[in-house]
């Protein structure tokens, strides 16, 4: 039985931004499968292992999932909550030396939105 439930951020227009990113040309199908497999495995850990998950330095309450596929470093960003044992994915990106500050700003804005409006999330879509 999973300990954690993963959620996806929903845009104001009702679009699942994580699902859209995972199904974009930026993320090959095999990379998407690995990202989803990582999420499935993390659901069962009481504490997320550091090799797969870490706080993002300089950005309070933002965390990155670390997934490497084909030499590319995929970085879904998220936050704990809005409820207990929930983790919400806010934005996806690719690390090329560093993460663009704009991507982190978007993640932080979305984090603030789900705190004030928890209806802006949906169970993670593995499809």
C-alpha atoms as a PDB file:
ATOM      1  CA  UNK A   1       0.000   0.000   0.000  1.00  0.00           C
ATOM      2  CA  UNK A   2       1.458   3.393  -0.965  1.00  0.00           C
ATOM      3  CA  UNK A   3       2.532   5.752   1.792  1.00  0.00           C
ATOM      4  CA  UNK A   4       2.574   8.799  -0.491  1.00  0.00           C
ATOM      5  CA  UNK A   5       0.128  10.081  -3.079  1.00  0.00           C
ATOM      6  CA  UNK A   6       1.511  12.094  -5.987  1.00  0.00           C
ATOM      7  CA  UNK A   7      -0.511  14.906  -7.514  1.00  0.00           C
ATOM      8  CA  UNK A   8      -0.162  17.064 -10.636  1.00  0.00           C
ATOM      9  CA  UNK A   9      -0.684  20.801 -10.837  1.00  0.00           C
ATOM     10  CA  UNK A  10      -3.685  21.897 -12.918  1.00  0.00           C
ATOM     11  CA  UNK A  11      -3.501  25.197 -14.804  1.00  0.00           C
ATOM     12  CA  UNK A  12      -6.212  27.823 -14.568  1.00  0.00           C
ATOM     13  CA  UNK A  13      -7.523  26.551 -17.927  1.00  0.00           C
ATOM     14  CA  UNK A  14      -7.822  23.025 -16.515  1.00  0.00           C
ATOM     15  CA  UNK A  15      -4.751  21.542 -18.191  1.00  0.00           C
ATOM     16  CA  UNK A  16      -2.610  19.000 -16.346  1.00  0.00           C
ATOM     17  CA  UNK A  17       0.803  20.657 -16.778  1.00  0.00           C
ATOM     18  CA  UNK A  18       2.814  17.614 -15.665  1.00  0.00           C
ATOM     19  CA  UNK A  19       0.947  15.277 -17.992  1.00  0.00           C
ATOM     20  CA  UNK A  20       1.449  17.784 -20.811  1.00  0.00           C
ATOM     21  CA  UNK A  21       5.210  17.990 -20.113  1.00  0.00           C
ATOM     22  CA  UNK A  22       5.603  14.206 -19.903  1.00  0.00           C
ATOM     23  CA  UNK A  23       3.825  13.861 -23.259  1.00  0.00           C
ATOM     24  CA  UNK A  24       5.751  16.661 -24.965  1.00  0.00           C
ATOM     25  CA  UNK A  25       8.524  16.131 -27.545  1.00  0.00           C
ATOM     26  CA  UNK A  26      10.976  17.234 -24.821  1.00  0.00           C
ATOM     27  CA  UNK A  27      10.434  13.924 -22.978  1.00  0.00           C
ATOM     28  CA  UNK A  28      10.947  10.702 -24.973  1.00  0.00           C
ATOM     29  CA  UNK A  29       8.534   7.863 -24.202  1.00  0.00           C
ATOM     30  CA  UNK A  30      11.234   5.779 -22.455  1.00  0.00           C
ATOM     31  CA  UNK A  31      12.197   8.768 -20.268  1.00  0.00           C
ATOM     32  CA  UNK A  32       8.532   9.275 -19.361  1.00  0.00           C
ATOM     33  CA  UNK A  33       8.335   5.600 -18.371  1.00  0.00           C
ATOM     34  CA  UNK A  34      11.384   5.998 -16.130  1.00  0.00           C
ATOM     35  CA  UNK A  35       9.988   9.144 -14.509  1.00  0.00           C
ATOM     36  CA  UNK A  36       6.671   7.415 -13.828  1.00  0.00           C
ATOM     37  CA  UNK A  37       8.479   4.324 -12.493  1.00  0.00           C
ATOM     38  CA  UNK A  38      10.431   6.582 -10.118  1.00  0.00           C
ATOM     39  CA  UNK A  39       7.180   8.150  -8.888  1.00  0.00           C
ATOM     40  CA  UNK A  40       5.670   4.700  -8.327  1.00  0.00           C
ATOM     41  CA  UNK A  41       8.711   3.593  -6.327  1.00  0.00           C
ATOM     42  CA  UNK A  42       8.767   6.790  -4.233  1.00  0.00           C
ATOM     43  CA  UNK A  43       5.153   6.196  -3.182  1.00  0.00           C
ATOM     44  CA  UNK A  44       6.320   3.351  -0.947  1.00  0.00           C
ATOM     45  CA  UNK A  45       9.182   5.083   0.894  1.00  0.00           C
ATOM     46  CA  UNK A  46       8.496   6.622   4.304  1.00  0.00           C
ATOM     47  CA  UNK A  47      11.311   9.106   3.563  1.00  0.00           C
ATOM     48  CA  UNK A  48      12.347   9.779  -0.035  1.00  0.00           C
ATOM     49  CA  UNK A  49      15.916   8.556  -0.762  1.00  0.00           C
ATOM     50  CA  UNK A  50      18.397  11.381  -1.393  1.00  0.00           C
ATOM     51  CA  UNK A  51      19.739   9.855  -4.610  1.00  0.00           C
ATOM     52  CA  UNK A  52      16.281  10.286  -6.192  1.00  0.00           C
ATOM     53  CA  UNK A  53      14.951  13.351  -4.408  1.00  0.00           C
ATOM     54  CA  UNK A  54      16.315  16.518  -2.822  1.00  0.00           C
ATOM     55  CA  UNK A  55      15.431  19.967  -1.566  1.00  0.00           C
ATOM     56  CA  UNK A  56      16.409  22.627  -4.071  1.00  0.00           C
ATOM     57  CA  UNK A  57      18.933  24.957  -2.472  1.00  0.00           C
ATOM     58  CA  UNK A  58      17.872  28.586  -2.261  1.00  0.00           C
ATOM     59  CA  UNK A  59      14.175  27.828  -2.829  1.00  0.00           C
ATOM     60  CA  UNK A  60      12.283  27.078   0.360  1.00  0.00           C
ATOM     61  CA  UNK A  61       9.785  24.251   0.048  1.00  0.00           C
ATOM     62  CA  UNK A  62      10.739  23.264  -3.535  1.00  0.00           C
ATOM     63  CA  UNK A  63      12.054  19.781  -4.210  1.00  0.00           C
ATOM     64  CA  UNK A  64      13.376  18.012  -7.275  1.00  0.00           C
ATOM     65  CA  UNK A  65      13.005  14.439  -8.398  1.00  0.00           C
ATOM     66  CA  UNK A  66      16.224  13.255 -10.006  1.00  0.00           C
ATOM     67  CA  UNK A  67      15.788  11.063 -13.048  1.00  0.00           C
ATOM     68  CA  UNK A  68      18.552  10.454 -15.593  1.00  0.00           C
ATOM     69  CA  UNK A  69      17.771   8.824 -18.901  1.00  0.00           C
ATOM     70  CA  UNK A  70      19.993   8.666 -21.967  1.00  0.00           C
ATOM     71  CA  UNK A  71      22.427  11.151 -20.459  1.00  0.00           C
ATOM     72  CA  UNK A  72      19.674  13.732 -19.897  1.00  0.00           C
ATOM     73  CA  UNK A  73      18.785  14.891 -16.398  1.00  0.00           C
ATOM     74  CA  UNK A  74      15.009  15.224 -16.044  1.00  0.00           C
ATOM     75  CA  UNK A  75      13.884  17.304 -13.094  1.00  0.00           C
ATOM     76  CA  UNK A  76      10.225  17.330 -12.106  1.00  0.00           C
ATOM     77  CA  UNK A  77       9.873  19.939  -9.337  1.00  0.00           C
ATOM     78  CA  UNK A  78       7.275  19.817  -6.631  1.00  0.00           C
ATOM     79  CA  UNK A  79       6.352  20.409  -3.026  1.00  0.00           C
ATOM     80  CA  UNK A  80       4.902  18.556  -0.086  1.00  0.00           C
ATOM     81  CA  UNK A  81       1.162  18.885   0.291  1.00  0.00           C
ATOM     82  CA  UNK A  82      -1.349  20.255   0.230  1.00  0.00           C
ATOM     83  CA  UNK A  83      -2.334  17.356   2.508  1.00  0.00           C
ATOM     84  CA  UNK A  84      -0.471  14.894   4.679  1.00  0.00           C
ATOM     85  CA  UNK A  85       1.551  12.277   2.750  1.00  0.00           C
ATOM     86  CA  UNK A  86       0.907  14.133  -0.492  1.00  0.00           C
ATOM     87  CA  UNK A  87       3.481  15.437  -2.918  1.00  0.00           C
ATOM     88  CA  UNK A  88       2.448  17.733  -5.765  1.00  0.00           C
ATOM     89  CA  UNK A  89       4.420  17.943  -9.008  1.00  0.00           C
ATOM     90  CA  UNK A  90       4.453  21.559 -10.142  1.00  0.00           C
ATOM     91  CA  UNK A  91       6.651  21.793 -13.239  1.00  0.00           C
ATOM     92  CA  UNK A  92       9.006  19.628 -15.271  1.00  0.00           C
ATOM     93  CA  UNK A  93      12.343  20.602 -16.693  1.00  0.00           C
ATOM     94  CA  UNK A  94      15.680  19.396 -17.961  1.00  0.00           C
ATOM     95  CA  UNK A  95      18.901  20.267 -16.191  1.00  0.00           C
ATOM     96  CA  UNK A  96      21.653  21.398 -18.543  1.00  0.00           C
ATOM     97  CA  UNK A  97      24.322  22.517 -16.086  1.00  0.00           C
ATOM     98  CA  UNK A  98      21.734  24.443 -14.085  1.00  0.00           C
ATOM     99  CA  UNK A  99      17.999  24.895 -13.785  1.00  0.00           C
ATOM    100  CA  UNK A 100      16.646  28.131 -15.305  1.00  0.00           C
ATOM    101  CA  UNK A 101      15.536  30.557 -12.583  1.00  0.00           C
ATOM    102  CA  UNK A 102      12.293  31.157 -14.488  1.00  0.00           C
ATOM    103  CA  UNK A 103      11.367  27.485 -14.095  1.00  0.00           C
ATOM    104  CA  UNK A 104      11.933  27.715 -10.340  1.00  0.00           C
ATOM    105  CA  UNK A 105       9.822  30.871 -10.141  1.00  0.00           C
ATOM    106  CA  UNK A 106       6.978  29.077 -11.931  1.00  0.00           C
ATOM    107  CA  UNK A 107       7.240  26.153  -9.497  1.00  0.00           C
ATOM    108  CA  UNK A 108       7.175  28.509  -6.513  1.00  0.00           C
ATOM    109  CA  UNK A 109       4.145  30.420  -7.873  1.00  0.00           C
ATOM    110  CA  UNK A 110       2.296  27.150  -8.388  1.00  0.00           C
ATOM    111  CA  UNK A 111       3.236  25.990  -4.887  1.00  0.00           C
ATOM    112  CA  UNK A 112       1.606  29.117  -3.473  1.00  0.00           C
ATOM    113  CA  UNK A 113      -1.490  28.530  -5.605  1.00  0.00           C
ATOM    114  CA  UNK A 114      -2.089  24.991  -4.333  1.00  0.00           C
ATOM    115  CA  UNK A 115      -1.654  26.108  -0.733  1.00  0.00           C
ATOM    116  CA  UNK A 116      -4.460  28.636  -1.162  1.00  0.00           C
ATOM    117  CA  UNK A 117      -6.499  26.540  -3.612  1.00  0.00           C
ATOM    118  CA  UNK A 118      -6.040  22.764  -3.200  1.00  0.00           C
ATOM    119  CA  UNK A 119      -8.604  22.130  -5.953  1.00  0.00           C
ATOM    120  CA  UNK A 120      -5.854  22.980  -8.493  1.00  0.00           C
ATOM    121  CA  UNK A 121      -4.361  19.482  -8.256  1.00  0.00           C
ATOM    122  CA  UNK A 122      -5.288  16.094  -9.649  1.00  0.00           C
ATOM    123  CA  UNK A 123      -3.908  12.615  -8.926  1.00  0.00           C
ATOM    124  CA  UNK A 124      -0.767  12.023 -10.955  1.00  0.00           C
ATOM    125  CA  UNK A 125      -1.675  10.883 -14.460  1.00  0.00           C
ATOM    126  CA  UNK A 126       0.613   7.998 -15.459  1.00  0.00           C
ATOM    127  CA  UNK A 127      -0.868   7.941 -18.978  1.00  0.00           C
END
